[in-house]
Amino acid sequence: MKLRKIKVLKKIFNIKQRYIFKIIIFLFFYLFIFSKANAQVFTEYEVKAAYIYSFTKFIDVWPSNVYAEKKFVIGLYGGTKIKKDLEKLLKNRKIRGKEWEIIYYPSISDFQNKKYKEPDIIFVSEIRKDKIYDMLFAVQEIYNESSKKKKSILTIGDNLDGFCESGGMINFTPKNSKRQFQINNEAVKNAGFKISSKLLHLSKIIKNFQE
């Protein structure tokens, strides 16, 4: 067993430096996220849940509103397929030192009228393209209405065409894409976040439509 570990380490150190971070991400997912006995294949939403959890760790700067609240809230809008995998992944874990809560928003009006708690992350999936802007506009309204304490929300799309170009921050790409996700870094910075350069290196950088 020890000999096998040594061989693995030698292989890792012989790989070019630019691949080291990708290996770390993979090992993080495999060893610490699911730990499935005898599992060979992860489902689509198990992988995406792992990415979302990792995003919270590879964002170097979060707006002050995250630290002021008692719970870290992940919001879901559109579909709920990822919910059970997020719950399974986050069981007995904390996000940025906080207990977590997952909230589903049935409609944009529920989100706008503050019927539910405002999220720290909103995961948007299974919606028509014409609804993307409406959702992102609602997020921006919350930010604008928060006066001195701006409420910034990290927006994540689930393979939604035009999501980042419309001002969304992170968007998962189709299966087998060269890059697993896109990032609109200008939208990220404008909301007060700062993403690790390591994470940016793994993404496809997208700009707004008008740029």
N, C-alpha and C. Protein backbone atom coordinates (compact mmCIF):
# COMPACT_ATOMS: atom_id res chain seq x y z
N MET A 1 0.83 -1.21 0.00
CA MET A 1 0.00 0.00 0.00
C MET A 1 0.87 1.26 0.00
N LYS A 2 1.95 1.25 0.84
CA LYS A 2 2.84 2.41 0.91
C LYS A 2 3.55 2.63 -0.42
N LEU A 3 3.97 1.52 -1.06
CA LEU A 3 4.65 1.62 -2.34
C LEU A 3 3.74 2.24 -3.39
N ARG A 4 2.47 1.86 -3.34
CA ARG A 4 1.50 2.41 -4.29
C ARG A 4 1.34 3.92 -4.09
N LYS A 5 1.29 4.36 -2.83
CA LYS A 5 1.16 5.79 -2.54
C LYS A 5 2.37 6.57 -3.06
N ILE A 6 3.56 5.99 -2.89
CA ILE A 6 4.78 6.66 -3.35
C ILE A 6 4.75 6.83 -4.86
N LYS A 7 4.31 5.79 -5.58
CA LYS A 7 4.23 5.86 -7.04
C LYS A 7 3.25 6.95 -7.48
N VAL A 8 2.13 7.04 -6.77
CA VAL A 8 1.13 8.07 -7.09
C VAL A 8 1.71 9.46 -6.89
N LEU A 9 2.42 9.66 -5.78
CA LEU A 9 3.03 10.96 -5.49
C LEU A 9 4.06 11.33 -6.55
N LYS A 10 4.85 10.36 -6.98
CA LYS A 10 5.85 10.63 -8.01
C LYS A 10 5.19 11.08 -9.30
N LYS A 11 4.10 10.43 -9.65
CA LYS A 11 3.38 10.81 -10.87
C LYS A 11 2.86 12.22 -10.76
N ILE A 12 2.31 12.56 -9.58
CA ILE A 12 1.75 13.90 -9.39
C ILE A 12 2.83 14.96 -9.54
N PHE A 13 3.98 14.75 -8.92
CA PHE A 13 5.03 15.76 -8.95
C PHE A 13 5.70 15.87 -10.32
N ASN A 14 5.51 14.89 -11.18
CA ASN A 14 6.07 14.95 -12.52
C ASN A 14 5.16 15.67 -13.50
N ILE A 15 3.94 15.95 -13.10
CA ILE A 15 2.98 16.63 -13.97
C ILE A 15 3.26 18.13 -13.96
N LYS A 16 3.04 18.78 -15.08
CA LYS A 16 3.30 20.21 -15.19
C LYS A 16 2.49 20.98 -14.16
N GLN A 17 3.04 22.07 -13.67
CA GLN A 17 2.45 22.82 -12.57
C GLN A 17 1.04 23.31 -12.86
N ARG A 18 0.76 23.63 -14.12
CA ARG A 18 -0.55 24.21 -14.41
C ARG A 18 -1.69 23.22 -14.21
N TYR A 19 -1.36 21.93 -14.08
CA TYR A 19 -2.40 20.93 -13.85
C TYR A 19 -2.59 20.58 -12.37
N ILE A 20 -1.73 21.10 -11.52
CA ILE A 20 -1.79 20.76 -10.10
C ILE A 20 -3.13 21.14 -9.48
N PHE A 21 -3.60 22.35 -9.79
CA PHE A 21 -4.85 22.80 -9.18
C PHE A 21 -6.02 21.93 -9.62
N LYS A 22 -6.03 21.50 -10.88
CA LYS A 22 -7.10 20.63 -11.35
C LYS A 22 -7.10 19.31 -10.59
N ILE A 23 -5.91 18.82 -10.30
CA ILE A 23 -5.79 17.56 -9.56
C ILE A 23 -6.32 17.75 -8.14
N ILE A 24 -5.97 18.88 -7.52
CA ILE A 24 -6.44 19.16 -6.16
C ILE A 24 -7.96 19.21 -6.13
N ILE A 25 -8.56 19.89 -7.12
CA ILE A 25 -10.01 19.98 -7.19
C ILE A 25 -10.62 18.59 -7.31
N PHE A 26 -10.05 17.77 -8.20
CA PHE A 26 -10.58 16.42 -8.39
C PHE A 26 -10.50 15.60 -7.11
N LEU A 27 -9.34 15.65 -6.44
CA LEU A 27 -9.17 14.88 -5.21
C LEU A 27 -10.11 15.38 -4.13
N PHE A 28 -10.32 16.70 -4.10
CA PHE A 28 -11.24 17.27 -3.12
C PHE A 28 -12.64 16.71 -3.32
N PHE A 29 -13.10 16.71 -4.58
CA PHE A 29 -14.41 16.16 -4.87
C PHE A 29 -14.48 14.68 -4.48
N TYR A 30 -13.46 13.93 -4.90
CA TYR A 30 -13.52 12.48 -4.75
C TYR A 30 -13.38 12.02 -3.30
N LEU A 31 -12.44 12.62 -2.57
CA LEU A 31 -12.14 12.13 -1.23
C LEU A 31 -13.02 12.72 -0.14
N PHE A 32 -13.42 13.99 -0.32
CA PHE A 32 -14.09 14.66 0.79
C PHE A 32 -15.56 14.97 0.55
N ILE A 33 -16.01 14.92 -0.68
CA ILE A 33 -17.39 15.32 -0.94
C ILE A 33 -18.36 14.17 -0.77
N PHE A 34 -18.20 13.11 -1.54
CA PHE A 34 -19.20 12.06 -1.52
C PHE A 34 -18.74 10.78 -0.82
N SER A 35 -17.49 10.38 -0.99
CA SER A 35 -16.96 9.18 -0.34
C SER A 35 -17.89 7.99 -0.52
N LYS A 36 -18.35 7.75 -1.72
CA LYS A 36 -19.26 6.64 -1.98
C LYS A 36 -18.49 5.33 -2.07
N ALA A 37 -18.90 4.36 -1.31
CA ALA A 37 -18.25 3.05 -1.38
C ALA A 37 -18.57 2.40 -2.71
N ASN A 38 -17.50 1.97 -3.40
CA ASN A 38 -17.61 1.26 -4.67
C ASN A 38 -18.25 2.08 -5.79
N ALA A 39 -18.37 3.39 -5.61
CA ALA A 39 -19.00 4.21 -6.64
C ALA A 39 -18.01 4.50 -7.76
N GLN A 40 -18.48 4.44 -9.00
CA GLN A 40 -17.63 4.70 -10.14
C GLN A 40 -18.04 5.98 -10.87
N VAL A 41 -19.33 6.30 -10.85
CA VAL A 41 -19.82 7.44 -11.61
C VAL A 41 -20.68 8.32 -10.72
N PHE A 42 -20.43 9.62 -10.77
CA PHE A 42 -21.26 10.58 -10.05
C PHE A 42 -22.37 11.07 -10.97
N THR A 43 -23.52 11.36 -10.41
CA THR A 43 -24.59 11.91 -11.22
C THR A 43 -24.28 13.37 -11.55
N GLU A 44 -24.99 13.91 -12.52
CA GLU A 44 -24.78 15.30 -12.94
C GLU A 44 -24.92 16.26 -11.77
N TYR A 45 -25.96 16.06 -10.96
CA TYR A 45 -26.21 17.04 -9.90
C TYR A 45 -25.37 16.79 -8.65
N GLU A 46 -24.83 15.60 -8.49
CA GLU A 46 -23.83 15.39 -7.44
C GLU A 46 -22.58 16.22 -7.75
N VAL A 47 -22.17 16.19 -9.01
CA VAL A 47 -20.99 16.95 -9.43
C VAL A 47 -21.25 18.45 -9.28
N LYS A 48 -22.42 18.91 -9.71
CA LYS A 48 -22.72 20.34 -9.63
C LYS A 48 -22.85 20.81 -8.17
N ALA A 49 -23.40 19.95 -7.32
CA ALA A 49 -23.48 20.29 -5.90
C ALA A 49 -22.08 20.44 -5.32
N ALA A 50 -21.17 19.55 -5.73
CA ALA A 50 -19.78 19.63 -5.27
C ALA A 50 -19.11 20.91 -5.74
N TYR A 51 -19.38 21.29 -6.99
CA TYR A 51 -18.83 22.54 -7.51
C TYR A 51 -19.35 23.73 -6.71
N ILE A 52 -20.64 23.76 -6.44
CA ILE A 52 -21.22 24.90 -5.71
C ILE A 52 -20.58 25.03 -4.33
N TYR A 53 -20.42 23.90 -3.66
CA TYR A 53 -19.76 23.92 -2.35
C TYR A 53 -18.32 24.43 -2.49
N SER A 54 -17.63 24.00 -3.54
CA SER A 54 -16.25 24.45 -3.76
C SER A 54 -16.18 25.93 -4.11
N PHE A 55 -17.19 26.43 -4.84
CA PHE A 55 -17.21 27.87 -5.16
C PHE A 55 -17.16 28.69 -3.87
N THR A 56 -17.85 28.24 -2.83
CA THR A 56 -17.87 29.01 -1.58
C THR A 56 -16.49 29.06 -0.94
N LYS A 57 -15.64 28.10 -1.27
CA LYS A 57 -14.29 28.06 -0.70
C LYS A 57 -13.27 28.82 -1.55
N PHE A 58 -13.53 28.92 -2.86
CA PHE A 58 -12.57 29.56 -3.75
C PHE A 58 -12.98 30.97 -4.15
N ILE A 59 -13.89 31.55 -3.39
CA ILE A 59 -14.17 32.98 -3.51
C ILE A 59 -13.44 33.65 -2.36
N ASP A 60 -12.43 34.43 -2.68
CA ASP A 60 -11.55 35.00 -1.66
C ASP A 60 -12.22 36.08 -0.82
N VAL A 61 -13.09 36.86 -1.45
CA VAL A 61 -13.75 37.97 -0.75
C VAL A 61 -15.25 37.86 -0.93
N TRP A 62 -15.98 37.88 0.19
CA TRP A 62 -17.44 37.89 0.16
C TRP A 62 -17.92 39.23 0.71
N PRO A 63 -19.04 39.73 0.21
CA PRO A 63 -19.60 40.98 0.76
C PRO A 63 -19.92 40.83 2.24
N SER A 64 -19.97 41.93 2.95
CA SER A 64 -20.15 41.90 4.41
C SER A 64 -21.47 41.28 4.84
N ASN A 65 -22.49 41.28 3.95
CA ASN A 65 -23.79 40.73 4.35
C ASN A 65 -23.71 39.24 4.71
N VAL A 66 -22.76 38.52 4.10
CA VAL A 66 -22.62 37.09 4.38
C VAL A 66 -22.22 36.87 5.84
N TYR A 67 -21.37 37.74 6.36
CA TYR A 67 -20.87 37.57 7.72
C TYR A 67 -21.88 38.05 8.76
N ALA A 68 -22.81 38.90 8.34
CA ALA A 68 -23.76 39.48 9.28
C ALA A 68 -24.94 38.55 9.58
N GLU A 69 -25.18 37.59 8.72
CA GLU A 69 -26.36 36.74 8.87
C GLU A 69 -26.04 35.45 9.62
N LYS A 70 -27.06 34.89 10.26
CA LYS A 70 -26.87 33.70 11.09
C LYS A 70 -26.68 32.44 10.26
N LYS A 71 -27.39 32.35 9.13
CA LYS A 71 -27.30 31.16 8.29
C LYS A 71 -26.86 31.53 6.88
N PHE A 72 -26.19 30.59 6.23
CA PHE A 72 -25.83 30.75 4.82
C PHE A 72 -26.97 30.12 4.02
N VAL A 73 -27.61 30.94 3.19
CA VAL A 73 -28.81 30.48 2.47
C VAL A 73 -28.50 30.24 0.99
N ILE A 74 -28.82 29.03 0.53
CA ILE A 74 -28.74 28.70 -0.89
C ILE A 74 -30.15 28.68 -1.44
N GLY A 75 -30.41 29.53 -2.42
CA GLY A 75 -31.73 29.60 -3.03
C GLY A 75 -31.78 28.81 -4.33
N LEU A 76 -32.94 28.23 -4.61
CA LEU A 76 -33.17 27.52 -5.86
C LEU A 76 -34.33 28.17 -6.58
N TYR A 77 -34.14 28.44 -7.86
CA TYR A 77 -35.23 29.00 -8.67
C TYR A 77 -35.31 28.23 -9.98
N GLY A 78 -36.52 27.85 -10.37
CA GLY A 78 -36.71 27.08 -11.59
C GLY A 78 -36.91 25.62 -11.25
N GLY A 79 -35.82 24.86 -11.24
CA GLY A 79 -35.88 23.43 -10.91
C GLY A 79 -35.34 23.13 -9.53
N THR A 80 -35.62 21.91 -9.06
CA THR A 80 -35.17 21.50 -7.73
C THR A 80 -34.39 20.18 -7.77
N LYS A 81 -33.94 19.77 -8.95
CA LYS A 81 -33.26 18.48 -9.09
C LYS A 81 -32.00 18.39 -8.23
N ILE A 82 -31.36 19.52 -7.99
CA ILE A 82 -30.10 19.51 -7.24
C ILE A 82 -30.31 19.48 -5.73
N LYS A 83 -31.53 19.71 -5.27
CA LYS A 83 -31.79 19.91 -3.84
C LYS A 83 -31.33 18.73 -2.98
N LYS A 84 -31.72 17.52 -3.33
CA LYS A 84 -31.38 16.37 -2.48
C LYS A 84 -29.87 16.12 -2.46
N ASP A 85 -29.19 16.40 -3.58
CA ASP A 85 -27.74 16.20 -3.62
C ASP A 85 -27.02 17.27 -2.81
N LEU A 86 -27.53 18.48 -2.81
CA LEU A 86 -26.96 19.53 -1.95
C LEU A 86 -27.15 19.17 -0.48
N GLU A 87 -28.34 18.71 -0.14
CA GLU A 87 -28.62 18.36 1.25
C GLU A 87 -27.72 17.21 1.72
N LYS A 88 -27.53 16.23 0.86
CA LYS A 88 -26.67 15.09 1.20
C LYS A 88 -25.22 15.53 1.35
N LEU A 89 -24.78 16.38 0.44
CA LEU A 89 -23.41 16.87 0.46
C LEU A 89 -23.12 17.71 1.70
N LEU A 90 -24.07 18.57 2.06
CA LEU A 90 -23.85 19.54 3.14
C LEU A 90 -24.15 18.99 4.53
N LYS A 91 -24.68 17.79 4.60
CA LYS A 91 -24.99 17.20 5.90
C LYS A 91 -23.74 17.17 6.77
N ASN A 92 -23.88 17.68 7.99
CA ASN A 92 -22.77 17.74 8.96
C ASN A 92 -21.64 18.67 8.52
N ARG A 93 -21.90 19.54 7.55
CA ARG A 93 -20.91 20.53 7.12
C ARG A 93 -21.45 21.93 7.34
N LYS A 94 -20.54 22.89 7.37
CA LYS A 94 -20.92 24.29 7.43
C LYS A 94 -20.37 25.00 6.21
N ILE A 95 -20.98 26.12 5.87
CA ILE A 95 -20.50 26.94 4.76
C ILE A 95 -19.97 28.25 5.34
N ARG A 96 -18.70 28.46 5.16
CA ARG A 96 -18.02 29.65 5.70
C ARG A 96 -18.31 29.82 7.19
N GLY A 97 -18.29 28.69 7.90
CA GLY A 97 -18.46 28.70 9.34
C GLY A 97 -19.89 28.82 9.82
N LYS A 98 -20.85 28.77 8.90
CA LYS A 98 -22.26 28.95 9.27
C LYS A 98 -23.10 27.71 8.98
N GLU A 99 -24.18 27.56 9.74
CA GLU A 99 -25.18 26.57 9.39
C GLU A 99 -25.82 27.00 8.07
N TRP A 100 -26.38 26.06 7.33
CA TRP A 100 -26.92 26.38 6.02
C TRP A 100 -28.41 26.09 5.94
N GLU A 101 -29.02 26.66 4.93
CA GLU A 101 -30.44 26.44 4.67
C GLU A 101 -30.66 26.52 3.17
N ILE A 102 -31.51 25.64 2.64
CA ILE A 102 -31.85 25.66 1.21
C ILE A 102 -33.30 26.08 1.07
N ILE A 103 -33.53 27.09 0.24
CA ILE A 103 -34.89 27.62 0.05
C ILE A 103 -35.24 27.58 -1.44
N TYR A 104 -36.42 27.08 -1.74
CA TYR A 104 -36.91 27.09 -3.12
C TYR A 104 -37.86 28.26 -3.31
N TYR A 105 -37.63 29.04 -4.37
CA TYR A 105 -38.49 30.18 -4.69
C TYR A 105 -39.40 29.78 -5.85
N PRO A 106 -40.69 29.61 -5.60
CA PRO A 106 -41.62 29.17 -6.66
C PRO A 106 -41.73 30.15 -7.82
N SER A 107 -41.56 31.44 -7.54
CA SER A 107 -41.71 32.44 -8.60
C SER A 107 -40.81 33.64 -8.31
N ILE A 108 -40.60 34.45 -9.34
CA ILE A 108 -39.79 35.65 -9.17
C ILE A 108 -40.48 36.62 -8.21
N SER A 109 -41.80 36.67 -8.26
CA SER A 109 -42.54 37.58 -7.37
C SER A 109 -42.33 37.21 -5.90
N ASP A 110 -42.25 35.90 -5.61
CA ASP A 110 -41.97 35.48 -4.23
C ASP A 110 -40.59 35.96 -3.80
N PHE A 111 -39.67 35.94 -4.72
CA PHE A 111 -38.31 36.39 -4.46
C PHE A 111 -38.30 37.91 -4.23
N GLN A 112 -39.01 38.64 -5.09
CA GLN A 112 -39.02 40.10 -5.01
C GLN A 112 -39.78 40.61 -3.79
N ASN A 113 -40.87 39.95 -3.44
CA ASN A 113 -41.70 40.41 -2.33
C ASN A 113 -41.18 39.98 -0.97
N LYS A 114 -40.04 39.31 -0.97
CA LYS A 114 -39.38 38.89 0.26
C LYS A 114 -40.27 38.00 1.12
N LYS A 115 -41.03 37.14 0.43
CA LYS A 115 -41.86 36.16 1.14
C LYS A 115 -40.97 35.16 1.87
N TYR A 116 -39.78 34.93 1.29
CA TYR A 116 -38.80 34.02 1.88
C TYR A 116 -37.53 34.80 2.20
N LYS A 117 -36.62 34.17 2.92
CA LYS A 117 -35.33 34.80 3.20
C LYS A 117 -34.57 35.05 1.90
N GLU A 118 -33.79 36.11 1.89
CA GLU A 118 -32.94 36.38 0.74
C GLU A 118 -31.73 35.45 0.78
N PRO A 119 -31.34 34.88 -0.36
CA PRO A 119 -30.23 33.92 -0.36
C PRO A 119 -28.87 34.59 -0.47
N ASP A 120 -27.84 33.82 -0.16
CA ASP A 120 -26.46 34.25 -0.41
C ASP A 120 -26.00 33.75 -1.78
N ILE A 121 -26.56 32.59 -2.18
CA ILE A 121 -26.35 32.04 -3.52
C ILE A 121 -27.72 31.71 -4.09
N ILE A 122 -27.93 32.00 -5.37
CA ILE A 122 -29.15 31.57 -6.04
C ILE A 122 -28.75 30.69 -7.22
N PHE A 123 -29.26 29.45 -7.24
CA PHE A 123 -28.99 28.51 -8.33
C PHE A 123 -30.22 28.48 -9.23
N VAL A 124 -30.03 28.90 -10.47
CA VAL A 124 -31.13 29.07 -11.42
C VAL A 124 -31.06 27.96 -12.47
N SER A 125 -32.15 27.22 -12.63
CA SER A 125 -32.15 26.11 -13.59
C SER A 125 -33.52 25.93 -14.21
N GLU A 126 -33.54 25.26 -15.36
CA GLU A 126 -34.78 24.85 -16.02
C GLU A 126 -35.75 26.00 -16.26
N ILE A 127 -35.24 27.14 -16.71
CA ILE A 127 -36.13 28.25 -17.04
C ILE A 127 -35.91 28.67 -18.49
N ARG A 128 -36.91 29.33 -19.06
CA ARG A 128 -36.78 29.83 -20.43
C ARG A 128 -35.80 31.00 -20.47
N LYS A 129 -35.23 31.20 -21.64
CA LYS A 129 -34.22 32.25 -21.79
C LYS A 129 -34.79 33.62 -21.45
N ASP A 130 -36.07 33.87 -21.77
CA ASP A 130 -36.65 35.19 -21.51
C ASP A 130 -36.86 35.45 -20.02
N LYS A 131 -36.74 34.40 -19.18
CA LYS A 131 -36.90 34.57 -17.73
C LYS A 131 -35.57 34.87 -17.03
N ILE A 132 -34.47 34.66 -17.75
CA ILE A 132 -33.15 34.87 -17.13
C ILE A 132 -32.98 36.32 -16.70
N TYR A 133 -33.27 37.24 -17.62
CA TYR A 133 -33.08 38.65 -17.30
C TYR A 133 -33.98 39.07 -16.14
N ASP A 134 -35.23 38.56 -16.12
CA ASP A 134 -36.15 38.92 -15.04
C ASP A 134 -35.59 38.51 -13.68
N MET A 135 -35.00 37.32 -13.63
CA MET A 135 -34.44 36.84 -12.36
C MET A 135 -33.23 37.67 -11.95
N LEU A 136 -32.36 37.94 -12.90
CA LEU A 136 -31.16 38.73 -12.60
C LEU A 136 -31.52 40.17 -12.23
N PHE A 137 -32.57 40.69 -12.85
CA PHE A 137 -33.04 42.03 -12.51
C PHE A 137 -33.56 42.06 -11.07
N ALA A 138 -34.26 41.01 -10.66
CA ALA A 138 -34.76 40.92 -9.29
C ALA A 138 -33.61 40.88 -8.28
N VAL A 139 -32.55 40.17 -8.63
CA VAL A 139 -31.36 40.12 -7.77
C VAL A 139 -30.74 41.51 -7.65
N GLN A 140 -30.65 42.21 -8.77
CA GLN A 140 -30.06 43.56 -8.77
C GLN A 140 -30.91 44.52 -7.95
N GLU A 141 -32.23 44.36 -8.01
CA GLU A 141 -33.13 45.22 -7.24
C GLU A 141 -32.89 45.06 -5.74
N ILE A 142 -32.68 43.82 -5.31
CA ILE A 142 -32.39 43.57 -3.89
C ILE A 142 -31.11 44.28 -3.49
N TYR A 143 -30.11 44.22 -4.36
CA TYR A 143 -28.84 44.90 -4.09
C TYR A 143 -29.04 46.41 -3.99
N ASN A 144 -29.81 46.97 -4.92
CA ASN A 144 -30.02 48.42 -4.96
C ASN A 144 -30.86 48.92 -3.78
N GLU A 145 -31.78 48.09 -3.30
CA GLU A 145 -32.69 48.50 -2.23
C GLU A 145 -32.10 48.31 -0.84
N SER A 146 -30.91 47.74 -0.77
CA SER A 146 -30.34 47.40 0.54
C SER A 146 -29.62 48.57 1.21
N SER A 147 -29.73 49.76 0.64
CA SER A 147 -29.14 50.99 1.17
C SER A 147 -27.68 50.81 1.58
N LYS A 148 -27.36 51.08 2.83
CA LYS A 148 -25.96 51.06 3.26
C LYS A 148 -25.38 49.65 3.24
N LYS A 149 -26.16 48.67 3.68
CA LYS A 149 -25.69 47.29 3.71
C LYS A 149 -26.17 46.58 2.46
N LYS A 150 -25.36 46.63 1.42
CA LYS A 150 -25.73 46.02 0.15
C LYS A 150 -25.86 44.51 0.29
N LYS A 151 -26.96 43.96 -0.21
CA LYS A 151 -27.18 42.52 -0.17
C LYS A 151 -26.74 41.93 -1.50
N SER A 152 -25.55 41.37 -1.53
CA SER A 152 -25.03 40.76 -2.75
C SER A 152 -25.36 39.28 -2.77
N ILE A 153 -25.77 38.80 -3.94
CA ILE A 153 -26.15 37.40 -4.11
C ILE A 153 -25.33 36.81 -5.25
N LEU A 154 -24.67 35.70 -4.99
CA LEU A 154 -23.90 35.02 -6.03
C LEU A 154 -24.88 34.25 -6.91
N THR A 155 -24.92 34.59 -8.19
CA THR A 155 -25.87 33.96 -9.11
C THR A 155 -25.18 32.86 -9.92
N ILE A 156 -25.78 31.67 -9.92
CA ILE A 156 -25.23 30.52 -10.63
C ILE A 156 -26.31 29.94 -11.54
N GLY A 157 -26.00 29.81 -12.82
CA GLY A 157 -26.94 29.25 -13.78
C GLY A 157 -26.59 27.80 -14.11
N ASP A 158 -27.60 27.03 -14.44
CA ASP A 158 -27.41 25.63 -14.78
C ASP A 158 -27.49 25.45 -16.29
N ASN A 159 -26.37 25.73 -16.96
CA ASN A 159 -26.29 25.57 -18.41
C ASN A 159 -27.40 26.35 -19.11
N LEU A 160 -27.50 27.63 -18.76
CA LEU A 160 -28.53 28.50 -19.32
C LEU A 160 -27.91 29.39 -20.39
N ASP A 161 -28.42 29.31 -21.59
CA ASP A 161 -27.89 30.08 -22.71
C ASP A 161 -28.03 31.58 -22.44
N GLY A 162 -26.91 32.30 -22.48
CA GLY A 162 -26.93 33.74 -22.28
C GLY A 162 -26.94 34.18 -20.83
N PHE A 163 -26.76 33.26 -19.90
CA PHE A 163 -26.85 33.61 -18.47
C PHE A 163 -25.76 34.61 -18.07
N CYS A 164 -24.51 34.27 -18.32
CA CYS A 164 -23.41 35.17 -17.95
C CYS A 164 -23.43 36.44 -18.80
N GLU A 165 -23.79 36.32 -20.07
CA GLU A 165 -23.84 37.49 -20.94
C GLU A 165 -24.90 38.48 -20.47
N SER A 166 -25.91 37.98 -19.75
CA SER A 166 -26.99 38.84 -19.24
C SER A 166 -26.66 39.42 -17.87
N GLY A 167 -25.50 39.08 -17.33
CA GLY A 167 -25.10 39.61 -16.02
C GLY A 167 -25.03 38.57 -14.93
N GLY A 168 -25.33 37.30 -15.25
CA GLY A 168 -25.15 36.23 -14.27
C GLY A 168 -23.67 36.02 -13.99
N MET A 169 -23.34 35.49 -12.84
CA MET A 169 -21.93 35.42 -12.43
C MET A 169 -21.24 34.13 -12.84
N ILE A 170 -21.87 32.99 -12.58
CA ILE A 170 -21.29 31.69 -12.92
C ILE A 170 -22.35 30.87 -13.64
N ASN A 171 -21.94 30.15 -14.68
CA ASN A 171 -22.89 29.32 -15.43
C ASN A 171 -22.23 28.00 -15.79
N PHE A 172 -22.86 26.89 -15.40
CA PHE A 172 -22.35 25.58 -15.80
C PHE A 172 -22.51 25.41 -17.30
N THR A 173 -21.56 24.72 -17.91
CA THR A 173 -21.58 24.50 -19.35
C THR A 173 -22.08 23.09 -19.65
N PRO A 174 -22.40 22.81 -20.93
CA PRO A 174 -22.89 21.46 -21.28
C PRO A 174 -21.86 20.38 -20.97
N LYS A 175 -22.33 19.18 -20.78
CA LYS A 175 -21.47 18.04 -20.50
C LYS A 175 -20.44 17.88 -21.61
N ASN A 176 -19.23 17.51 -21.24
CA ASN A 176 -18.11 17.29 -22.17
C ASN A 176 -17.53 18.58 -22.75
N SER A 177 -17.93 19.74 -22.20
CA SER A 177 -17.32 21.00 -22.64
C SER A 177 -15.88 21.06 -22.13
N LYS A 178 -15.05 21.82 -22.82
CA LYS A 178 -13.65 21.96 -22.42
C LYS A 178 -13.55 22.60 -21.04
N ARG A 179 -14.39 23.59 -20.78
CA ARG A 179 -14.46 24.24 -19.47
C ARG A 179 -15.80 23.89 -18.83
N GLN A 180 -15.78 23.55 -17.55
CA GLN A 180 -16.99 23.09 -16.87
C GLN A 180 -17.94 24.22 -16.49
N PHE A 181 -17.43 25.45 -16.49
CA PHE A 181 -18.29 26.58 -16.15
C PHE A 181 -17.74 27.87 -16.73
N GLN A 182 -18.64 28.85 -16.86
CA GLN A 182 -18.29 30.18 -17.32
C GLN A 182 -18.35 31.14 -16.13
N ILE A 183 -17.58 32.22 -16.21
CA ILE A 183 -17.64 33.25 -15.17
C ILE A 183 -17.67 34.63 -15.83
N ASN A 184 -18.61 35.46 -15.40
CA ASN A 184 -18.62 36.87 -15.78
C ASN A 184 -17.95 37.61 -14.62
N ASN A 185 -16.65 37.83 -14.73
CA ASN A 185 -15.90 38.38 -13.60
C ASN A 185 -16.25 39.83 -13.31
N GLU A 186 -16.70 40.57 -14.32
CA GLU A 186 -17.12 41.95 -14.08
C GLU A 186 -18.36 41.97 -13.19
N ALA A 187 -19.31 41.08 -13.49
CA ALA A 187 -20.52 40.99 -12.66
C ALA A 187 -20.16 40.57 -11.24
N VAL A 188 -19.21 39.66 -11.13
CA VAL A 188 -18.75 39.20 -9.81
C VAL A 188 -18.17 40.35 -9.00
N LYS A 189 -17.28 41.11 -9.62
CA LYS A 189 -16.62 42.23 -8.92
C LYS A 189 -17.60 43.35 -8.59
N ASN A 190 -18.53 43.61 -9.51
CA ASN A 190 -19.50 44.68 -9.27
C ASN A 190 -20.39 44.40 -8.06
N ALA A 191 -20.56 43.11 -7.75
CA ALA A 191 -21.40 42.72 -6.60
C ALA A 191 -20.59 42.62 -5.31
N GLY A 192 -19.28 42.86 -5.39
CA GLY A 192 -18.46 42.86 -4.19
C GLY A 192 -17.75 41.56 -3.88
N PHE A 193 -17.80 40.60 -4.81
CA PHE A 193 -17.09 39.34 -4.62
C PHE A 193 -15.71 39.43 -5.27
N LYS A 194 -14.81 38.57 -4.83
CA LYS A 194 -13.52 38.42 -5.50
C LYS A 194 -13.23 36.93 -5.60
N ILE A 195 -13.18 36.43 -6.84
CA ILE A 195 -12.96 35.01 -7.08
C ILE A 195 -11.47 34.72 -7.19
N SER A 196 -11.06 33.61 -6.60
CA SER A 196 -9.67 33.18 -6.66
C SER A 196 -9.20 33.07 -8.11
N SER A 197 -7.97 33.51 -8.36
CA SER A 197 -7.41 33.41 -9.71
C SER A 197 -7.32 31.95 -10.16
N LYS A 198 -7.18 31.04 -9.21
CA LYS A 198 -7.12 29.61 -9.54
C LYS A 198 -8.44 29.15 -10.14
N LEU A 199 -9.55 29.64 -9.57
CA LEU A 199 -10.87 29.27 -10.08
C LEU A 199 -11.11 29.92 -11.44
N LEU A 200 -10.68 31.15 -11.59
CA LEU A 200 -10.82 31.84 -12.88
C LEU A 200 -10.06 31.10 -13.98
N HIS A 201 -8.93 30.54 -13.61
CA HIS A 201 -8.10 29.82 -14.58
C HIS A 201 -8.83 28.60 -15.15
N LEU A 202 -9.74 28.03 -14.37
CA LEU A 202 -10.46 26.84 -14.81
C LEU A 202 -11.73 27.16 -15.59
N SER A 203 -12.06 28.44 -15.69
CA SER A 203 -13.34 28.83 -16.29
C SER A 203 -13.15 29.49 -17.65
N LYS A 204 -14.26 29.64 -18.36
CA LYS A 204 -14.29 30.45 -19.57
C LYS A 204 -14.84 31.82 -19.17
N ILE A 205 -14.08 32.87 -19.41
CA ILE A 205 -14.48 34.21 -19.01
C ILE A 205 -15.46 34.79 -20.04
N ILE A 206 -16.58 35.28 -19.53
CA ILE A 206 -17.65 35.81 -20.38
C ILE A 206 -17.88 37.28 -20.03
N LYS A 207 -18.20 38.08 -21.04
CA LYS A 207 -18.54 39.48 -20.81
C LYS A 207 -20.03 39.71 -21.10
N ASN A 208 -20.54 40.84 -20.62
CA ASN A 208 -21.94 41.18 -20.87
C ASN A 208 -22.19 41.36 -22.37
N PHE A 209 -23.44 41.18 -22.78
CA PHE A 209 -23.79 41.29 -24.19
C PHE A 209 -23.33 42.60 -24.81
N GLN A 210 -23.49 43.72 -24.06
CA GLN A 210 -23.22 45.03 -24.64
C GLN A 210 -21.74 45.35 -24.73
N GLU A 211 -20.87 44.54 -24.08
CA GLU A 211 -19.44 44.87 -24.07
C GLU A 211 -18.75 44.35 -25.31
